[in-house]
Amino acid sequence: MKHINLSFAACGFLGIYQLGAASAFSRHGQKLLKDVRAFAGASAGSLVASVLLTAPEKIEECNQFTYNFAEETRRQSFGAVTPGYDFMARLRQGMESILPSNAHELAQNRLHVSITNTRTRENYLVCNFPSRDDLIKVLLASSFVPIYAGLRPVEYGGQKWVDGGLTNSLPILPVGRTVTISPFSGRLDISPQDKGQLELYVNITNHDLMLSLENLVRFNQALFPPSKRKMEWLYQCGFDDTIKFLHKENLFE
């Protein structure tokens, strides 16, 4: 495993599972991280990838932001779509406080963010970030779920962009092995393992998912976050599933 990529799937508030995975990599997978050439992600997955690449020491700060953001969203009468609640402004505030001043330099040609063009409906993987603000705008674009997060798509480079998960929710890079991480059960390297009776899978924008009741519940939780206790449990699941992967690959430290 000399050319490895890490790809984090689109998953909304279930990004807390991926933060658990990022924490496990940071604590017990330094041998693997040394060989990682590129990080990729869509929507919330791109946010986790950006933190693991540019500010791994702030993973715990990200956890607290996610818990607070979820609690704030739960308190709204209609969740994120509550009139007057600026979901994207709150998300940007979190990025501004967590990403370091040189985040764009660390991310240059190593972070691949999935975004969707509103005019052509085509997917783009952006890996060029001239400034920190460019990086933040691309991450915001990847996280913008139309209507849910607002009515005005993110403008970047003279064009309008929305959630990368709509066209490529789990980027697989062309060179090397891409290790995939998702809070949804499916054909992935790191994910929950549901016990489906029929073992049926469906491919949703490059993401092989099991048809299971548990995954249906997770789709709801991605947009309508569960309680803090449940989110803490999801974080631990992400951590534990990643530890299993590291053991299986003989990379646990």
Protein backbone atom coordinates (compact mmCIF):
# COMPACT_ATOMS: atom_id res chain seq x y z
CA MET A 1 0.00 0.00 0.00
CA LYS A 2 2.42 2.65 -1.21
CA HIS A 3 -0.04 4.96 -2.95
CA ILE A 4 -3.15 5.39 -0.86
CA ASN A 5 -6.02 7.84 -1.05
CA LEU A 6 -8.69 8.37 1.61
CA SER A 7 -12.20 9.21 0.44
CA PHE A 8 -14.99 10.31 2.78
CA ALA A 9 -18.59 9.93 1.56
CA ALA A 10 -21.32 12.55 1.59
CA CYS A 11 -23.36 12.09 4.75
CA GLY A 12 -24.66 15.32 6.33
CA PHE A 13 -24.66 15.28 10.12
CA LEU A 14 -23.44 11.68 10.06
CA GLY A 15 -20.06 13.26 9.41
CA ILE A 16 -19.64 12.67 13.15
CA TYR A 17 -19.03 8.98 12.28
CA GLN A 18 -16.27 10.08 9.89
CA LEU A 19 -14.75 12.33 12.54
CA GLY A 20 -14.50 9.18 14.65
CA ALA A 21 -12.69 7.52 11.75
CA ALA A 22 -10.39 10.54 11.35
CA SER A 23 -9.57 10.41 15.06
CA ALA A 24 -8.67 6.71 14.79
CA PHE A 25 -6.40 7.39 11.80
CA SER A 26 -4.74 10.25 13.66
CA ARG A 27 -4.15 8.23 16.85
CA HIS A 28 -3.43 4.75 15.53
CA GLY A 29 -2.84 5.03 11.78
CA GLN A 30 0.17 7.29 11.34
CA LYS A 31 1.91 4.57 9.32
CA LEU A 32 -0.97 4.65 6.85
CA LEU A 33 -1.28 8.45 6.83
CA LYS A 34 2.39 8.74 5.82
CA ASP A 35 1.54 6.88 2.61
CA VAL A 36 -1.66 8.83 1.84
CA ARG A 37 -1.10 10.89 -1.31
CA ALA A 38 -4.56 12.42 -1.57
CA PHE A 39 -7.72 13.03 0.43
CA ALA A 40 -11.14 13.24 -1.20
CA GLY A 41 -14.71 13.80 -0.15
CA ALA A 42 -18.17 15.07 -0.92
CA SER A 43 -20.35 17.29 1.23
CA ALA A 44 -19.67 16.63 4.94
CA GLY A 45 -17.07 14.08 3.87
CA SER A 46 -15.02 16.82 2.22
CA LEU A 47 -15.07 18.79 5.48
CA VAL A 48 -13.71 15.82 7.44
CA ALA A 49 -11.07 15.16 4.76
CA SER A 50 -9.96 18.82 4.90
CA VAL A 51 -9.56 18.71 8.68
CA LEU A 52 -7.66 15.40 8.71
CA LEU A 53 -5.29 16.81 6.07
CA THR A 54 -4.79 20.38 7.31
CA ALA A 55 -5.60 20.38 11.05
CA PRO A 56 -5.73 16.87 12.59
CA GLU A 57 -5.06 18.37 16.00
CA LYS A 58 -8.46 20.07 15.78
CA ILE A 59 -10.59 16.94 15.34
CA GLU A 60 -11.90 17.24 18.90
CA GLU A 61 -12.81 20.88 18.25
CA CYS A 62 -14.69 19.69 15.15
CA ASN A 63 -16.60 17.18 17.28
CA GLN A 64 -17.77 19.91 19.63
CA PHE A 65 -18.74 22.17 16.74
CA THR A 66 -20.74 19.32 15.16
CA TYR A 67 -22.58 18.55 18.43
CA ASN A 68 -23.41 22.24 18.92
CA PHE A 69 -24.41 22.72 15.27
CA ALA A 70 -26.69 19.68 15.45
CA GLU A 71 -28.27 20.90 18.69
CA GLU A 72 -28.83 24.34 17.18
CA THR A 73 -30.46 22.77 14.10
CA ARG A 74 -32.67 20.52 16.25
CA ARG A 75 -33.90 23.58 18.17
CA GLN A 76 -35.21 25.26 15.01
CA SER A 77 -38.95 24.83 14.40
CA PHE A 78 -38.37 23.29 10.96
CA GLY A 79 -34.74 22.29 11.28
CA ALA A 80 -32.29 23.76 8.76
CA VAL A 81 -35.12 25.07 6.53
CA THR A 82 -36.58 27.26 9.29
CA PRO A 83 -37.13 30.80 7.88
CA GLY A 84 -34.48 33.18 9.16
CA TYR A 85 -31.98 30.46 10.09
CA ASP A 86 -28.80 30.75 8.01
CA PHE A 87 -27.46 27.19 7.90
CA MET A 88 -24.58 28.02 5.53
CA ALA A 89 -23.42 31.03 7.54
CA ARG A 90 -23.17 28.83 10.63
CA LEU A 91 -21.21 26.22 8.69
CA ARG A 92 -18.83 28.85 7.34
CA GLN A 93 -18.29 30.16 10.86
CA GLY A 94 -17.14 26.70 11.91
CA MET A 95 -14.72 26.42 8.97
CA GLU A 96 -13.28 29.87 9.64
CA SER A 97 -12.53 28.93 13.25
CA ILE A 98 -11.04 25.49 12.53
CA LEU A 99 -9.08 25.64 9.26
CA PRO A 100 -5.54 27.07 9.69
CA SER A 101 -4.36 30.15 7.81
CA ASN A 102 -2.31 28.01 5.39
CA ALA A 103 -5.03 25.37 4.87
CA HIS A 104 -5.20 26.09 1.13
CA GLU A 105 -1.46 25.50 0.76
CA LEU A 106 -1.66 22.19 2.60
CA ALA A 107 -4.69 21.18 0.54
CA GLN A 108 -3.24 22.18 -2.84
CA ASN A 109 -3.32 19.16 -5.20
CA ARG A 110 -3.89 16.82 -2.22
CA LEU A 111 -7.52 17.53 -1.34
CA HIS A 112 -10.13 16.63 -3.99
CA VAL A 113 -13.56 18.13 -3.31
CA SER A 114 -16.64 16.94 -5.18
CA ILE A 115 -18.99 19.72 -6.36
CA THR A 116 -21.89 19.91 -8.83
CA ASN A 117 -22.35 22.61 -11.47
CA THR A 118 -25.92 23.93 -11.42
CA ARG A 119 -25.98 24.76 -15.13
CA THR A 120 -24.45 21.60 -16.64
CA ARG A 121 -25.30 19.28 -13.72
CA GLU A 122 -21.84 17.82 -14.13
CA ASN A 123 -19.50 16.80 -11.33
CA TYR A 124 -16.12 18.37 -10.75
CA LEU A 125 -13.33 17.38 -8.39
CA VAL A 126 -11.56 20.56 -7.34
CA CYS A 127 -7.99 20.30 -6.06
CA ASN A 128 -6.65 23.78 -6.84
CA PHE A 129 -7.09 26.38 -4.10
CA PRO A 130 -5.43 29.78 -4.76
CA SER A 131 -6.46 31.11 -1.34
CA ARG A 132 -7.96 30.01 1.97
CA ASP A 133 -11.21 31.71 0.99
CA ASP A 134 -11.26 29.71 -2.26
CA LEU A 135 -10.90 26.51 -0.26
CA ILE A 136 -13.74 27.50 2.09
CA LYS A 137 -16.01 28.43 -0.83
CA VAL A 138 -15.42 25.07 -2.52
CA LEU A 139 -16.11 23.21 0.74
CA LEU A 140 -19.30 25.24 1.22
CA ALA A 141 -20.37 24.47 -2.35
CA SER A 142 -19.84 20.76 -1.77
CA SER A 143 -22.05 20.98 1.33
CA PHE A 144 -24.88 23.03 -0.19
CA VAL A 145 -28.00 20.85 -0.38
CA PRO A 146 -30.54 22.86 -2.43
CA ILE A 147 -33.58 24.08 -0.46
CA TYR A 148 -32.35 22.34 2.73
CA ALA A 149 -29.33 24.66 3.10
CA GLY A 150 -30.86 27.65 1.31
CA LEU A 151 -32.10 28.87 -2.05
CA ARG A 152 -28.97 30.52 -3.45
CA PRO A 153 -26.21 28.16 -4.66
CA VAL A 154 -22.61 28.96 -3.81
CA GLU A 155 -20.88 31.16 -6.40
CA TYR A 156 -17.29 30.25 -7.21
CA GLY A 157 -15.19 31.01 -10.27
CA GLY A 158 -18.06 32.87 -11.90
CA GLN A 159 -20.38 29.86 -11.76
CA LYS A 160 -22.90 28.41 -9.32
CA TRP A 161 -22.35 25.16 -7.47
CA VAL A 162 -24.22 22.80 -5.16
CA ASP A 163 -23.67 19.59 -3.18
CA GLY A 164 -21.09 17.27 -4.74
CA GLY A 165 -23.00 14.33 -3.29
CA LEU A 166 -25.73 14.84 -5.90
CA THR A 167 -23.38 13.68 -8.69
CA ASN A 168 -20.44 11.92 -6.99
CA SER A 169 -20.96 11.16 -3.32
CA LEU A 170 -17.80 9.04 -2.94
CA PRO A 171 -14.88 10.15 -5.16
CA ILE A 172 -12.54 7.35 -6.27
CA LEU A 173 -9.22 8.73 -7.47
CA PRO A 174 -7.60 7.26 -10.61
CA VAL A 175 -4.14 6.48 -9.21
CA GLY A 176 -3.49 4.07 -6.34
CA ARG A 177 -5.91 2.48 -3.89
CA THR A 178 -8.74 4.64 -2.57
CA VAL A 179 -9.80 3.64 0.95
CA THR A 180 -13.50 4.50 1.33
CA ILE A 181 -15.16 5.67 4.55
CA SER A 182 -18.93 6.04 5.01
CA PRO A 183 -21.46 5.97 7.86
CA PHE A 184 -23.81 4.05 5.53
CA SER A 185 -23.52 0.29 5.32
CA GLY A 186 -22.31 -0.94 1.95
CA ARG A 187 -19.39 -2.20 -0.13
CA LEU A 188 -16.82 0.04 1.54
CA ASP A 189 -13.53 -0.29 3.39
CA ILE A 190 -14.81 1.38 6.56
CA SER A 191 -18.54 1.46 7.33
CA PRO A 192 -21.15 -0.11 9.62
CA GLN A 193 -21.99 -3.70 8.68
CA ASP A 194 -25.75 -4.21 8.56
CA LYS A 195 -27.03 -7.75 8.43
CA GLY A 196 -29.34 -7.53 5.43
CA GLN A 197 -31.39 -10.65 4.81
CA LEU A 198 -31.14 -10.35 1.02
CA GLU A 199 -27.74 -8.66 0.72
CA LEU A 200 -29.09 -6.27 -1.91
CA TYR A 201 -27.11 -3.20 -2.89
CA VAL A 202 -27.89 -0.02 -4.80
CA ASN A 203 -25.41 2.42 -6.34
CA ILE A 204 -26.26 6.03 -5.53
CA THR A 205 -23.92 8.50 -7.27
CA ASN A 206 -20.85 6.24 -7.02
CA HIS A 207 -21.72 4.96 -3.54
CA ASP A 208 -22.57 1.22 -3.18
CA LEU A 209 -25.10 1.01 -0.36
CA MET A 210 -26.94 -1.91 1.20
CA LEU A 211 -30.72 -1.86 1.03
CA SER A 212 -31.48 -1.98 4.73
CA LEU A 213 -33.83 -0.41 7.24
CA GLU A 214 -30.82 0.87 9.16
CA ASN A 215 -29.59 2.82 6.12
CA LEU A 216 -33.02 4.41 5.69
CA VAL A 217 -32.81 5.61 9.30
CA ARG A 218 -29.32 6.96 8.62
CA PHE A 219 -30.51 8.95 5.59
CA ASN A 220 -33.02 10.67 7.86
CA GLN A 221 -30.36 11.32 10.53
CA ALA A 222 -28.03 12.87 7.94
CA LEU A 223 -30.44 15.78 7.48
CA PHE A 224 -32.23 15.70 10.83
CA PRO A 225 -29.55 15.06 13.43
CA PRO A 226 -30.28 12.65 16.30
CA SER A 227 -29.62 13.36 19.98
CA LYS A 228 -26.15 14.19 21.24
CA ARG A 229 -25.94 10.80 22.97
CA LYS A 230 -26.69 9.06 19.66
CA MET A 231 -24.13 11.21 17.84
CA GLU A 232 -21.48 10.38 20.43
CA TRP A 233 -22.27 6.70 19.83
CA LEU A 234 -21.92 7.22 16.05
CA TYR A 235 -18.55 8.88 16.61
CA GLN A 236 -17.39 5.86 18.60
CA CYS A 237 -18.67 3.51 15.88
CA GLY A 238 -16.57 5.37 13.29
CA PHE A 239 -13.54 5.13 15.56
CA ASP A 240 -14.05 1.40 16.24
CA ASP A 241 -14.72 0.48 12.59
CA THR A 242 -11.51 2.24 11.57
CA ILE A 243 -9.52 0.41 14.24
CA LYS A 244 -10.85 -2.88 12.80
CA PHE A 245 -9.70 -1.80 9.34
CA LEU A 246 -6.22 -0.88 10.60
CA HIS A 247 -5.89 -4.24 12.34
CA LYS A 248 -7.06 -6.09 9.20
CA GLU A 249 -4.47 -4.27 7.07
CA ASN A 250 -1.71 -4.76 9.71
CA LEU A 251 -1.39 -0.99 10.04
CA PHE A 252 -2.56 -0.49 13.64
CA GLU A 253 -0.14 1.40 15.89
